Amino acid sequence: MNPVNDMIDSEVKGSDVVLFMKGSPAFPQCGFSGQVVQILDYLGVPYKGINVLESMELREGIKSYSNWPTIPQLYVKGEFVGGCDIVREMFQAGELQGLLTDRGIEFERKTATA
């Protein structure tokens, strides 16, 4: 493995919920990252946001790590969940809440109101 891959692997396995995103949870720097942050914040999910804009190696490394071409990328208990569209659709269908429950992640039991 390469150092970037090792760092990504360590982050994914070191926190229950990890979001690789453009910007930070407090200041998302793209609309897609912002949408996932809004969903996680709405649910009150504790998560770690990692800014891929800080390093070109990280930005490219996360894409090869997951074999997924876009950012943001959400991981729950070491498992790749998906990007913005998948996370949004799962949230609206109640599937994201079910996944969090199944993995033992504490969050506020809210449903989509859209």
PDB file of N, CA and C in Angstrom:
ATOM      1  N   MET A   1       0.843  -1.201   0.000  1.00  0.00           N
ATOM      2  CA  MET A   1       0.000   0.000   0.000  1.00  0.00           C
ATOM      3  C   MET A   1       0.876   1.249   0.000  1.00  0.00           C
ATOM      4  N   ASN A   2       0.281   2.332  -0.459  1.00  0.00           N
ATOM      5  CA  ASN A   2       1.024   3.589  -0.434  1.00  0.00           C
ATOM      6  C   ASN A   2       0.599   4.400   0.792  1.00  0.00           C
ATOM      7  N   PRO A   3       1.376   5.417   1.159  1.00  0.00           N
ATOM      8  CA  PRO A   3       1.089   6.189   2.375  1.00  0.00           C
ATOM      9  C   PRO A   3      -0.305   6.823   2.385  1.00  0.00           C
ATOM     10  N   VAL A   4      -0.770   7.338   1.248  1.00  0.00           N
ATOM     11  CA  VAL A   4      -2.096   7.955   1.198  1.00  0.00           C
ATOM     12  C   VAL A   4      -3.167   6.897   1.444  1.00  0.00           C
ATOM     13  N   ASN A   5      -3.012   5.750   0.815  1.00  0.00           N
ATOM     14  CA  ASN A   5      -3.966   4.656   1.000  1.00  0.00           C
ATOM     15  C   ASN A   5      -3.978   4.208   2.464  1.00  0.00           C
ATOM     16  N   ASP A   6      -2.810   4.125   3.070  1.00  0.00           N
ATOM     17  CA  ASP A   6      -2.716   3.741   4.489  1.00  0.00           C
ATOM     18  C   ASP A   6      -3.434   4.765   5.369  1.00  0.00           C
ATOM     19  N   MET A   7      -3.260   6.053   5.071  1.00  0.00           N
ATOM     20  CA  MET A   7      -3.913   7.107   5.850  1.00  0.00           C
ATOM     21  C   MET A   7      -5.426   7.018   5.696  1.00  0.00           C
ATOM     22  N   ILE A   8      -5.896   6.834   4.461  1.00  0.00           N
ATOM     23  CA  ILE A   8      -7.337   6.718   4.215  1.00  0.00           C
ATOM     24  C   ILE A   8      -7.892   5.512   4.962  1.00  0.00           C
ATOM     25  N   ASP A   9      -7.210   4.397   4.851  1.00  0.00           N
ATOM     26  CA  ASP A   9      -7.640   3.164   5.517  1.00  0.00           C
ATOM     27  C   ASP A   9      -7.716   3.366   7.027  1.00  0.00           C
ATOM     28  N   SER A  10      -6.727   4.043   7.580  1.00  0.00           N
ATOM     29  CA  SER A  10      -6.696   4.323   9.012  1.00  0.00           C
ATOM     30  C   SER A  10      -7.870   5.210   9.426  1.00  0.00           C
ATOM     31  N   GLU A  11      -8.177   6.237   8.631  1.00  0.00           N
ATOM     32  CA  GLU A  11      -9.296   7.134   8.934  1.00  0.00           C
ATOM     33  C   GLU A  11     -10.632   6.393   8.849  1.00  0.00           C
ATOM     34  N   VAL A  12     -10.800   5.609   7.779  1.00  0.00           N
ATOM     35  CA  VAL A  12     -12.055   4.883   7.557  1.00  0.00           C
ATOM     36  C   VAL A  12     -12.310   3.886   8.688  1.00  0.00           C
ATOM     37  N   LYS A  13     -11.240   3.239   9.145  1.00  0.00           N
ATOM     38  CA  LYS A  13     -11.395   2.225  10.192  1.00  0.00           C
ATOM     39  C   LYS A  13     -11.305   2.802  11.599  1.00  0.00           C
ATOM     40  N   GLY A  14     -10.830   4.052  11.710  1.00  0.00           N
ATOM     41  CA  GLY A  14     -10.613   4.653  13.023  1.00  0.00           C
ATOM     42  C   GLY A  14     -11.797   5.424  13.580  1.00  0.00           C
ATOM     43  N   SER A  15     -12.771   5.742  12.738  1.00  0.00           N
ATOM     44  CA  SER A  15     -13.965   6.475  13.175  1.00  0.00           C
ATOM     45  C   SER A  15     -15.196   5.741  12.662  1.00  0.00           C
ATOM     46  N   ASP A  16     -16.271   5.795  13.438  1.00  0.00           N
ATOM     47  CA  ASP A  16     -17.491   5.094  13.032  1.00  0.00           C
ATOM     48  C   ASP A  16     -18.084   5.659  11.751  1.00  0.00           C
ATOM     49  N   VAL A  17     -18.079   6.997  11.642  1.00  0.00           N
ATOM     50  CA  VAL A  17     -18.648   7.640  10.452  1.00  0.00           C
ATOM     51  C   VAL A  17     -17.634   8.669   9.952  1.00  0.00           C
ATOM     52  N   VAL A  18     -17.232   8.511   8.692  1.00  0.00           N
ATOM     53  CA  VAL A  18     -16.237   9.399   8.090  1.00  0.00           C
ATOM     54  C   VAL A  18     -16.782   9.917   6.765  1.00  0.00           C
ATOM     55  N   LEU A  19     -16.660  11.229   6.567  1.00  0.00           N
ATOM     56  CA  LEU A  19     -17.070  11.844   5.312  1.00  0.00           C
ATOM     57  C   LEU A  19     -15.860  12.495   4.661  1.00  0.00           C
ATOM     58  N   PHE A  20     -15.449  11.954   3.521  1.00  0.00           N
ATOM     59  CA  PHE A  20     -14.415  12.599   2.713  1.00  0.00           C
ATOM     60  C   PHE A  20     -15.151  13.602   1.843  1.00  0.00           C
ATOM     61  N   MET A  21     -14.788  14.879   1.993  1.00  0.00           N
ATOM     62  CA  MET A  21     -15.567  15.946   1.385  1.00  0.00           C
ATOM     63  C   MET A  21     -14.678  17.078   0.902  1.00  0.00           C
ATOM     64  N   LYS A  22     -15.286  17.978   0.141  1.00  0.00           N
ATOM     65  CA  LYS A  22     -14.594  19.203  -0.266  1.00  0.00           C
ATOM     66  C   LYS A  22     -14.953  20.264   0.762  1.00  0.00           C
ATOM     67  N   GLY A  23     -13.952  20.722   1.501  1.00  0.00           N
ATOM     68  CA  GLY A  23     -14.175  21.674   2.576  1.00  0.00           C
ATOM     69  C   GLY A  23     -14.300  20.947   3.903  1.00  0.00           C
ATOM     70  N   SER A  24     -14.894  21.634   4.880  1.00  0.00           N
ATOM     71  CA  SER A  24     -15.054  21.058   6.215  1.00  0.00           C
ATOM     72  C   SER A  24     -16.542  21.030   6.560  1.00  0.00           C
ATOM     73  N   PRO A  25     -16.928  20.266   7.588  1.00  0.00           N
ATOM     74  CA  PRO A  25     -18.339  20.261   7.978  1.00  0.00           C
ATOM     75  C   PRO A  25     -18.862  21.670   8.284  1.00  0.00           C
ATOM     76  N   ALA A  26     -18.023  22.522   8.845  1.00  0.00           N
ATOM     77  CA  ALA A  26     -18.441  23.885   9.168  1.00  0.00           C
ATOM     78  C   ALA A  26     -18.502  24.771   7.921  1.00  0.00           C
ATOM     79  N   PHE A  27     -17.721  24.420   6.903  1.00  0.00           N
ATOM     80  CA  PHE A  27     -17.649  25.247   5.693  1.00  0.00           C
ATOM     81  C   PHE A  27     -17.458  24.363   4.460  1.00  0.00           C
ATOM     82  N   PRO A  28     -18.527  23.668   4.048  1.00  0.00           N
ATOM     83  CA  PRO A  28     -18.419  22.837   2.835  1.00  0.00           C
ATOM     84  C   PRO A  28     -18.100  23.707   1.627  1.00  0.00           C
ATOM     85  N   GLN A  29     -17.269  23.183   0.724  1.00  0.00           N
ATOM     86  CA  GLN A  29     -16.850  23.974  -0.424  1.00  0.00           C
ATOM     87  C   GLN A  29     -17.433  23.470  -1.739  1.00  0.00           C
ATOM     88  N   CYS A  30     -18.430  22.600  -1.656  1.00  0.00           N
ATOM     89  CA  CYS A  30     -19.199  22.257  -2.851  1.00  0.00           C
ATOM     90  C   CYS A  30     -20.598  21.868  -2.400  1.00  0.00           C
ATOM     91  N   GLY A  31     -21.549  22.035  -3.290  1.00  0.00           N
ATOM     92  CA  GLY A  31     -22.942  21.781  -2.959  1.00  0.00           C
ATOM     93  C   GLY A  31     -23.212  20.345  -2.554  1.00  0.00           C
ATOM     94  N   PHE A  32     -22.530  19.401  -3.209  1.00  0.00           N
ATOM     95  CA  PHE A  32     -22.762  17.992  -2.912  1.00  0.00           C
ATOM     96  C   PHE A  32     -22.267  17.641  -1.512  1.00  0.00           C
ATOM     97  N   SER A  33     -21.067  18.126  -1.171  1.00  0.00           N
ATOM     98  CA  SER A  33     -20.554  17.914   0.186  1.00  0.00           C
ATOM     99  C   SER A  33     -21.493  18.567   1.196  1.00  0.00           C
ATOM    100  N   GLY A  34     -21.986  19.760   0.861  1.00  0.00           N
ATOM    101  CA  GLY A  34     -22.896  20.484   1.742  1.00  0.00           C
ATOM    102  C   GLY A  34     -24.185  19.718   2.006  1.00  0.00           C
ATOM    103  N   GLN A  35     -24.707  19.045   0.977  1.00  0.00           N
ATOM    104  CA  GLN A  35     -25.942  18.277   1.149  1.00  0.00           C
ATOM    105  C   GLN A  35     -25.740  17.118   2.123  1.00  0.00           C
ATOM    106  N   VAL A  36     -24.619  16.407   1.989  1.00  0.00           N
ATOM    107  CA  VAL A  36     -24.363  15.275   2.880  1.00  0.00           C
ATOM    108  C   VAL A  36     -24.151  15.775   4.313  1.00  0.00           C
ATOM    109  N   VAL A  37     -23.436  16.891   4.470  1.00  0.00           N
ATOM    110  CA  VAL A  37     -23.258  17.499   5.791  1.00  0.00           C
ATOM    111  C   VAL A  37     -24.617  17.844   6.399  1.00  0.00           C
ATOM    112  N   GLN A  38     -25.502  18.434   5.603  1.00  0.00           N
ATOM    113  CA  GLN A  38     -26.839  18.799   6.098  1.00  0.00           C
ATOM    114  C   GLN A  38     -27.596  17.570   6.584  1.00  0.00           C
ATOM    115  N   ILE A  39     -27.530  16.478   5.845  1.00  0.00           N
ATOM    116  CA  ILE A  39     -28.232  15.253   6.232  1.00  0.00           C
ATOM    117  C   ILE A  39     -27.659  14.705   7.537  1.00  0.00           C
ATOM    118  N   LEU A  40     -26.319  14.611   7.616  1.00  0.00           N
ATOM    119  CA  LEU A  40     -25.685  14.071   8.828  1.00  0.00           C
ATOM    120  C   LEU A  40     -25.965  14.973  10.027  1.00  0.00           C
ATOM    121  N   ASP A  41     -25.887  16.292   9.824  1.00  0.00           N
ATOM    122  CA  ASP A  41     -26.156  17.231  10.918  1.00  0.00           C
ATOM    123  C   ASP A  41     -27.619  17.168  11.345  1.00  0.00           C
ATOM    124  N   TYR A  42     -28.512  17.047  10.380  1.00  0.00           N
ATOM    125  CA  TYR A  42     -29.950  16.949  10.667  1.00  0.00           C
ATOM    126  C   TYR A  42     -30.230  15.720  11.540  1.00  0.00           C
ATOM    127  N   LEU A  43     -29.547  14.629  11.226  1.00  0.00           N
ATOM    128  CA  LEU A  43     -29.732  13.393  11.991  1.00  0.00           C
ATOM    129  C   LEU A  43     -28.941  13.401  13.301  1.00  0.00           C
ATOM    130  N   GLY A  44     -28.058  14.386  13.455  1.00  0.00           N
ATOM    131  CA  GLY A  44     -27.250  14.448  14.664  1.00  0.00           C
ATOM    132  C   GLY A  44     -26.221  13.326  14.735  1.00  0.00           C
ATOM    133  N   VAL A  45     -25.747  12.885  13.589  1.00  0.00           N
ATOM    134  CA  VAL A  45     -24.763  11.805  13.536  1.00  0.00           C
ATOM    135  C   VAL A  45     -23.381  12.365  13.843  1.00  0.00           C
ATOM    136  N   PRO A  46     -22.688  11.803  14.838  1.00  0.00           N
ATOM    137  CA  PRO A  46     -21.296  12.231  15.043  1.00  0.00           C
ATOM    138  C   PRO A  46     -20.429  11.665  13.913  1.00  0.00           C
ATOM    139  N   TYR A  47     -19.693  12.529  13.245  1.00  0.00           N
ATOM    140  CA  TYR A  47     -18.865  12.064  12.134  1.00  0.00           C
ATOM    141  C   TYR A  47     -17.607  12.901  12.031  1.00  0.00           C
ATOM    142  N   LYS A  48     -16.651  12.351  11.309  1.00  0.00           N
ATOM    143  CA  LYS A  48     -15.399  13.055  11.059  1.00  0.00           C
ATOM    144  C   LYS A  48     -15.389  13.483   9.597  1.00  0.00           C
ATOM    145  N   GLY A  49     -15.222  14.790   9.368  1.00  0.00           N
ATOM    146  CA  GLY A  49     -15.109  15.306   8.013  1.00  0.00           C
ATOM    147  C   GLY A  49     -13.645  15.461   7.645  1.00  0.00           C
ATOM    148  N   ILE A  50     -13.288  14.975   6.470  1.00  0.00           N
ATOM    149  CA  ILE A  50     -11.905  15.084   6.003  1.00  0.00           C
ATOM    150  C   ILE A  50     -11.904  15.855   4.685  1.00  0.00           C
ATOM    151  N   ASN A  51     -11.177  16.959   4.670  1.00  0.00           N
ATOM    152  CA  ASN A  51     -11.133  17.856   3.521  1.00  0.00           C
ATOM    153  C   ASN A  51     -10.154  17.343   2.468  1.00  0.00           C
ATOM    154  N   VAL A  52     -10.692  16.873   1.344  1.00  0.00           N
ATOM    155  CA  VAL A  52      -9.823  16.353   0.284  1.00  0.00           C
ATOM    156  C   VAL A  52      -9.141  17.466  -0.505  1.00  0.00           C
ATOM    157  N   LEU A  53      -9.568  18.713  -0.302  1.00  0.00           N
ATOM    158  CA  LEU A  53      -8.945  19.825  -1.026  1.00  0.00           C
ATOM    159  C   LEU A  53      -7.569  20.169  -0.467  1.00  0.00           C
ATOM    160  N   GLU A  54      -7.254  19.630   0.709  1.00  0.00           N
ATOM    161  CA  GLU A  54      -5.954  19.926   1.319  1.00  0.00           C
ATOM    162  C   GLU A  54      -4.806  19.199   0.627  1.00  0.00           C
ATOM    163  N   SER A  55      -5.122  18.169  -0.166  1.00  0.00           N
ATOM    164  CA  SER A  55      -4.057  17.386  -0.782  1.00  0.00           C
ATOM    165  C   SER A  55      -4.545  16.734  -2.066  1.00  0.00           C
ATOM    166  N   MET A  56      -3.829  16.965  -3.158  1.00  0.00           N
ATOM    167  CA  MET A  56      -4.171  16.333  -4.430  1.00  0.00           C
ATOM    168  C   MET A  56      -4.037  14.815  -4.317  1.00  0.00           C
ATOM    169  N   GLU A  57      -3.039  14.354  -3.550  1.00  0.00           N
ATOM    170  CA  GLU A  57      -2.859  12.907  -3.367  1.00  0.00           C
ATOM    171  C   GLU A  57      -4.069  12.296  -2.665  1.00  0.00           C
ATOM    172  N   LEU A  58      -4.574  13.007  -1.656  1.00  0.00           N
ATOM    173  CA  LEU A  58      -5.749  12.521  -0.931  1.00  0.00           C
ATOM    174  C   LEU A  58      -6.975  12.531  -1.842  1.00  0.00           C
ATOM    175  N   ARG A  59      -7.144  13.614  -2.609  1.00  0.00           N
ATOM    176  CA  ARG A  59      -8.310  13.720  -3.485  1.00  0.00           C
ATOM    177  C   ARG A  59      -8.336  12.588  -4.509  1.00  0.00           C
ATOM    178  N   GLU A  60      -7.180  12.270  -5.075  1.00  0.00           N
ATOM    179  CA  GLU A  60      -7.122  11.174  -6.047  1.00  0.00           C
ATOM    180  C   GLU A  60      -7.112   9.813  -5.329  1.00  0.00           C
ATOM    181  N   GLY A  61      -6.457   9.771  -4.166  1.00  0.00           N
ATOM    182  CA  GLY A  61      -6.340   8.516  -3.421  1.00  0.00           C
ATOM    183  C   GLY A  61      -7.675   7.965  -2.961  1.00  0.00           C
ATOM    184  N   ILE A  62      -8.585   8.851  -2.525  1.00  0.00           N
ATOM    185  CA  ILE A  62      -9.880   8.378  -2.034  1.00  0.00           C
ATOM    186  C   ILE A  62     -10.698   7.787  -3.180  1.00  0.00           C
ATOM    187  N   LYS A  63     -10.519   8.329  -4.381  1.00  0.00           N
ATOM    188  CA  LYS A  63     -11.250   7.801  -5.540  1.00  0.00           C
ATOM    189  C   LYS A  63     -10.788   6.389  -5.882  1.00  0.00           C
ATOM    190  N   SER A  64      -9.492   6.136  -5.783  1.00  0.00           N
ATOM    191  CA  SER A  64      -9.013   4.789  -6.077  1.00  0.00           C
ATOM    192  C   SER A  64      -9.278   3.840  -4.911  1.00  0.00           C
ATOM    193  N   TYR A  65      -9.246   4.367  -3.684  1.00  0.00           N
ATOM    194  CA  TYR A  65      -9.512   3.549  -2.497  1.00  0.00           C
ATOM    195  C   TYR A  65     -10.905   2.927  -2.580  1.00  0.00           C
ATOM    196  N   SER A  66     -11.882   3.735  -2.969  1.00  0.00           N
ATOM    197  CA  SER A  66     -13.275   3.281  -2.997  1.00  0.00           C
ATOM    198  C   SER A  66     -13.694   2.768  -4.371  1.00  0.00           C
ATOM    199  N   ASN A  67     -12.865   3.046  -5.379  1.00  0.00           N
ATOM    200  CA  ASN A  67     -13.244   2.774  -6.760  1.00  0.00           C
ATOM    201  C   ASN A  67     -14.526   3.537  -7.112  1.00  0.00           C
ATOM    202  N   TRP A  68     -14.610   4.767  -6.613  1.00  0.00           N
ATOM    203  CA  TRP A  68     -15.772   5.640  -6.825  1.00  0.00           C
ATOM    204  C   TRP A  68     -15.242   6.973  -7.323  1.00  0.00           C
ATOM    205  N   PRO A  69     -15.768   7.501  -8.432  1.00  0.00           N
ATOM    206  CA  PRO A  69     -15.126   8.650  -9.085  1.00  0.00           C
ATOM    207  C   PRO A  69     -15.401  10.021  -8.478  1.00  0.00           C
ATOM    208  N   THR A  70     -16.367  10.133  -7.578  1.00  0.00           N
ATOM    209  CA  THR A  70     -16.751  11.464  -7.121  1.00  0.00           C
ATOM    210  C   THR A  70     -16.591  11.631  -5.617  1.00  0.00           C
ATOM    211  N   ILE A  71     -16.608  12.894  -5.211  1.00  0.00           N
ATOM    212  CA  ILE A  71     -16.528  13.284  -3.805  1.00  0.00           C
ATOM    213  C   ILE A  71     -17.751  14.159  -3.571  1.00  0.00           C
ATOM    214  N   PRO A  72     -18.456  14.035  -2.473  1.00  0.00           N
ATOM    215  CA  PRO A  72     -18.101  13.393  -1.209  1.00  0.00           C
ATOM    216  C   PRO A  72     -18.282  11.874  -1.234  1.00  0.00           C
ATOM    217  N   GLN A  73     -17.659  11.246  -0.225  1.00  0.00           N
ATOM    218  CA  GLN A  73     -17.797   9.812  -0.007  1.00  0.00           C
ATOM    219  C   GLN A  73     -18.027   9.572   1.473  1.00  0.00           C
ATOM    220  N   LEU A  74     -19.081   8.817   1.777  1.00  0.00           N
ATOM    221  CA  LEU A  74     -19.440   8.532   3.158  1.00  0.00           C
ATOM    222  C   LEU A  74     -19.111   7.092   3.500  1.00  0.00           C
ATOM    223  N   TYR A  75     -18.464   6.915   4.652  1.00  0.00           N
ATOM    224  CA  TYR A  75     -18.127   5.585   5.176  1.00  0.00           C
ATOM    225  C   TYR A  75     -18.756   5.415   6.545  1.00  0.00           C
ATOM    226  N   VAL A  76     -19.362   4.259   6.772  1.00  0.00           N
ATOM    227  CA  VAL A  76     -19.940   3.932   8.076  1.00  0.00           C
ATOM    228  C   VAL A  76     -19.341   2.612   8.533  1.00  0.00           C
ATOM    229  N   LYS A  77     -18.679   2.634   9.697  1.00  0.00           N
ATOM    230  CA  LYS A  77     -18.035   1.446  10.267  1.00  0.00           C
ATOM    231  C   LYS A  77     -17.127   0.757   9.238  1.00  0.00           C
ATOM    232  N   GLY A  78     -16.347   1.565   8.527  1.00  0.00           N
ATOM    233  CA  GLY A  78     -15.377   1.030   7.579  1.00  0.00           C
ATOM    234  C   GLY A  78     -15.938   0.644   6.229  1.00  0.00           C
ATOM    235  N   GLU A  79     -17.247   0.799   6.038  1.00  0.00           N
ATOM    236  CA  GLU A  79     -17.889   0.389   4.794  1.00  0.00           C
ATOM    237  C   GLU A  79     -18.275   1.611   3.970  1.00  0.00           C
ATOM    238  N   PHE A  80     -17.935   1.584   2.677  1.00  0.00           N
ATOM    239  CA  PHE A  80     -18.299   2.679   1.777  1.00  0.00           C
ATOM    240  C   PHE A  80     -19.802   2.657   1.556  1.00  0.00           C
ATOM    241  N   VAL A  81     -20.462   3.777   1.833  1.00  0.00           N
ATOM    242  CA  VAL A  81     -21.913   3.881   1.656  1.00  0.00           C
ATOM    243  C   VAL A  81     -22.238   4.460   0.287  1.00  0.00           C
ATOM    244  N   GLY A  82     -21.615   5.590  -0.052  1.00  0.00           N
ATOM    245  CA  GLY A  82     -21.874   6.196  -1.351  1.00  0.00           C
ATOM    246  C   GLY A  82     -21.569   7.672  -1.351  1.00  0.00           C
ATOM    247  N   GLY A  83     -21.950   8.299  -2.454  1.00  0.00           N
ATOM    248  CA  GLY A  83     -21.770   9.733  -2.619  1.00  0.00           C
ATOM    249  C   GLY A  83     -23.057  10.474  -2.310  1.00  0.00           C
ATOM    250  N   CYS A  84     -23.129  11.713  -2.753  1.00  0.00           N
ATOM    251  CA  CYS A  84     -24.243  12.588  -2.403  1.00  0.00           C
ATOM    252  C   CYS A  84     -25.606  12.017  -2.816  1.00  0.00           C
ATOM    253  N   ASP A  85     -25.755  11.625  -4.074  1.00  0.00           N
ATOM    254  CA  ASP A  85     -27.058  11.151  -4.554  1.00  0.00           C
ATOM    255  C   ASP A  85     -27.512   9.910  -3.793  1.00  0.00           C
ATOM    256  N   ILE A  86     -26.603   8.969  -3.595  1.00  0.00           N
ATOM    257  CA  ILE A  86     -26.947   7.732  -2.883  1.00  0.00           C
ATOM    258  C   ILE A  86     -27.325   8.041  -1.441  1.00  0.00           C
ATOM    259  N   VAL A  87     -26.527   8.857  -0.765  1.00  0.00           N
ATOM    260  CA  VAL A  87     -26.805   9.205   0.630  1.00  0.00           C
ATOM    261  C   VAL A  87     -28.154   9.919   0.733  1.00  0.00           C
ATOM    262  N   ARG A  88     -28.420  10.860  -0.185  1.00  0.00           N
ATOM    263  CA  ARG A  88     -29.691  11.598  -0.159  1.00  0.00           C
ATOM    264  C   ARG A  88     -30.880  10.652  -0.386  1.00  0.00           C
ATOM    265  N   GLU A  89     -30.752   9.766  -1.378  1.00  0.00           N
ATOM    266  CA  GLU A  89     -31.843   8.822  -1.662  1.00  0.00           C
ATOM    267  C   GLU A  89     -32.054   7.866  -0.494  1.00  0.00           C
ATOM    268  N   MET A  90     -30.953   7.386   0.103  1.00  0.00           N
ATOM    269  CA  MET A  90     -31.076   6.496   1.257  1.00  0.00           C
ATOM    270  C   MET A  90     -31.749   7.211   2.431  1.00  0.00           C
ATOM    271  N   PHE A  91     -31.368   8.472   2.645  1.00  0.00           N
ATOM    272  CA  PHE A  91     -31.959   9.259   3.728  1.00  0.00           C
ATOM    273  C   PHE A  91     -33.458   9.428   3.498  1.00  0.00           C
ATOM    274  N   GLN A  92     -33.840   9.825   2.290  1.00  0.00           N
ATOM    275  CA  GLN A  92     -35.254  10.076   1.993  1.00  0.00           C
ATOM    276  C   GLN A  92     -36.088   8.807   2.111  1.00  0.00           C
ATOM    277  N   ALA A  93     -35.486   7.652   1.826  1.00  0.00           N
ATOM    278  CA  ALA A  93     -36.204   6.375   1.905  1.00  0.00           C
ATOM    279  C   ALA A  93     -36.145   5.772   3.312  1.00  0.00           C
ATOM    280  N   GLY A  94     -35.376   6.412   4.217  1.00  0.00           N
ATOM    281  CA  GLY A  94     -35.222   5.875   5.564  1.00  0.00           C
ATOM    282  C   GLY A  94     -34.158   4.799   5.661  1.00  0.00           C
ATOM    283  N   GLU A  95     -33.478   4.508   4.542  1.00  0.00           N
ATOM    284  CA  GLU A  95     -32.472   3.443   4.524  1.00  0.00           C
ATOM    285  C   GLU A  95     -31.188   3.853   5.246  1.00  0.00           C
ATOM    286  N   LEU A  96     -30.827   5.127   5.170  1.00  0.00           N
ATOM    287  CA  LEU A  96     -29.621   5.595   5.863  1.00  0.00           C
ATOM    288  C   LEU A  96     -29.809   5.447   7.369  1.00  0.00           C
ATOM    289  N   GLN A  97     -30.988   5.830   7.854  1.00  0.00           N
ATOM    290  CA  GLN A  97     -31.285   5.700   9.276  1.00  0.00           C
ATOM    291  C   GLN A  97     -31.222   4.224   9.687  1.00  0.00           C
ATOM    292  N   GLY A  98     -31.731   3.340   8.827  1.00  0.00           N
ATOM    293  CA  GLY A  98     -31.680   1.902   9.101  1.00  0.00           C
ATOM    294  C   GLY A  98     -30.255   1.379   9.156  1.00  0.00           C
ATOM    295  N   LEU A  99     -29.418   1.847   8.223  1.00  0.00           N
ATOM    296  CA  LEU A  99     -28.010   1.444   8.201  1.00  0.00           C
ATOM    297  C   LEU A  99     -27.307   1.882   9.482  1.00  0.00           C
ATOM    298  N   LEU A 100     -27.555   3.126   9.891  1.00  0.00           N
ATOM    299  CA  LEU A 100     -26.929   3.640  11.113  1.00  0.00           C
ATOM    300  C   LEU A 100     -27.380   2.819  12.320  1.00  0.00           C
ATOM    301  N   THR A 101     -28.663   2.505  12.380  1.00  0.00           N
ATOM    302  CA  THR A 101     -29.192   1.693  13.481  1.00  0.00           C
ATOM    303  C   THR A 101     -28.537   0.311  13.485  1.00  0.00           C
ATOM    304  N   ASP A 102     -28.478  -0.312  12.303  1.00  0.00           N
ATOM    305  CA  ASP A 102     -27.881  -1.649  12.185  1.00  0.00           C
ATOM    306  C   ASP A 102     -26.426  -1.666  12.628  1.00  0.00           C
ATOM    307  N   ARG A 103     -25.717  -0.554  12.393  1.00  0.00           N
ATOM    308  CA  ARG A 103     -24.285  -0.485  12.731  1.00  0.00           C
ATOM    309  C   ARG A 103     -24.064   0.035  14.153  1.00  0.00           C
ATOM    310  N   GLY A 104     -25.147   0.326  14.870  1.00  0.00           N
ATOM    311  CA  GLY A 104     -25.021   0.781  16.255  1.00  0.00           C
ATOM    312  C   GLY A 104     -24.564   2.221  16.395  1.00  0.00           C
ATOM    313  N   ILE A 105     -24.852   3.054  15.394  1.00  0.00           N
ATOM    314  CA  ILE A 105     -24.469   4.461  15.434  1.00  0.00           C
ATOM    315  C   ILE A 105     -25.623   5.254  16.050  1.00  0.00           C
ATOM    316  N   GLU A 106     -25.325   6.020  17.090  1.00  0.00           N
ATOM    317  CA  GLU A 106     -26.345   6.850  17.741  1.00  0.00           C
ATOM    318  C   GLU A 106     -26.661   8.058  16.867  1.00  0.00           C
ATOM    319  N   PHE A 107     -27.949   8.367  16.742  1.00  0.00           N
ATOM    320  CA  PHE A 107     -28.375   9.562  16.019  1.00  0.00           C
ATOM    321  C   PHE A 107     -29.798   9.889  16.438  1.00  0.00           C
ATOM    322  N   GLU A 108     -30.258  11.065  16.039  1.00  0.00           N
ATOM    323  CA  GLU A 108     -31.629  11.477  16.344  1.00  0.00           C
ATOM    324  C   GLU A 108     -32.562  10.814  15.340  1.00  0.00           C
ATOM    325  N   ARG A 109     -33.596  10.174  15.828  1.00  0.00           N
ATOM    326  CA  ARG A 109     -34.520   9.442  14.956  1.00  0.00           C
ATOM    327  C   ARG A 109     -35.449  10.406  14.238  1.00  0.00           C
ATOM    328  N   LYS A 110     -34.940  10.926  13.138  1.00  0.00           N
ATOM    329  CA  LYS A 110     -35.731  11.856  12.324  1.00  0.00           C
ATOM    330  C   LYS A 110     -35.915  11.239  10.948  1.00  0.00           C
ATOM    331  N   THR A 111     -36.974  11.627  10.287  1.00  0.00           N
ATOM    332  CA  THR A 111     -37.210  11.187   8.920  1.00  0.00           C
ATOM    333  C   THR A 111     -37.151  12.389   7.992  1.00  0.00           C
ATOM    334  N   ALA A 112     -37.025  12.114   6.718  1.00  0.00           N
ATOM    335  CA  ALA A 112     -36.969  13.179   5.737  1.00  0.00           C
ATOM    336  C   ALA A 112     -38.311  13.884   5.680  1.00  0.00           C
ATOM    337  N   THR A 113     -38.291  15.198   5.584  1.00  0.00           N
ATOM    338  CA  THR A 113     -39.524  15.975   5.457  1.00  0.00           C
ATOM    339  C   THR A 113     -39.451  16.789   4.185  1.00  0.00           C
ATOM    340  N   ALA A 114     -39.476  16.079   3.070  1.00  0.00           N
ATOM    341  CA  ALA A 114     -39.371  16.779   1.789  1.00  0.00           C
ATOM    342  C   ALA A 114     -40.402  16.228   0.814  1.00  0.00           C
TER     343      ALA A 114
END
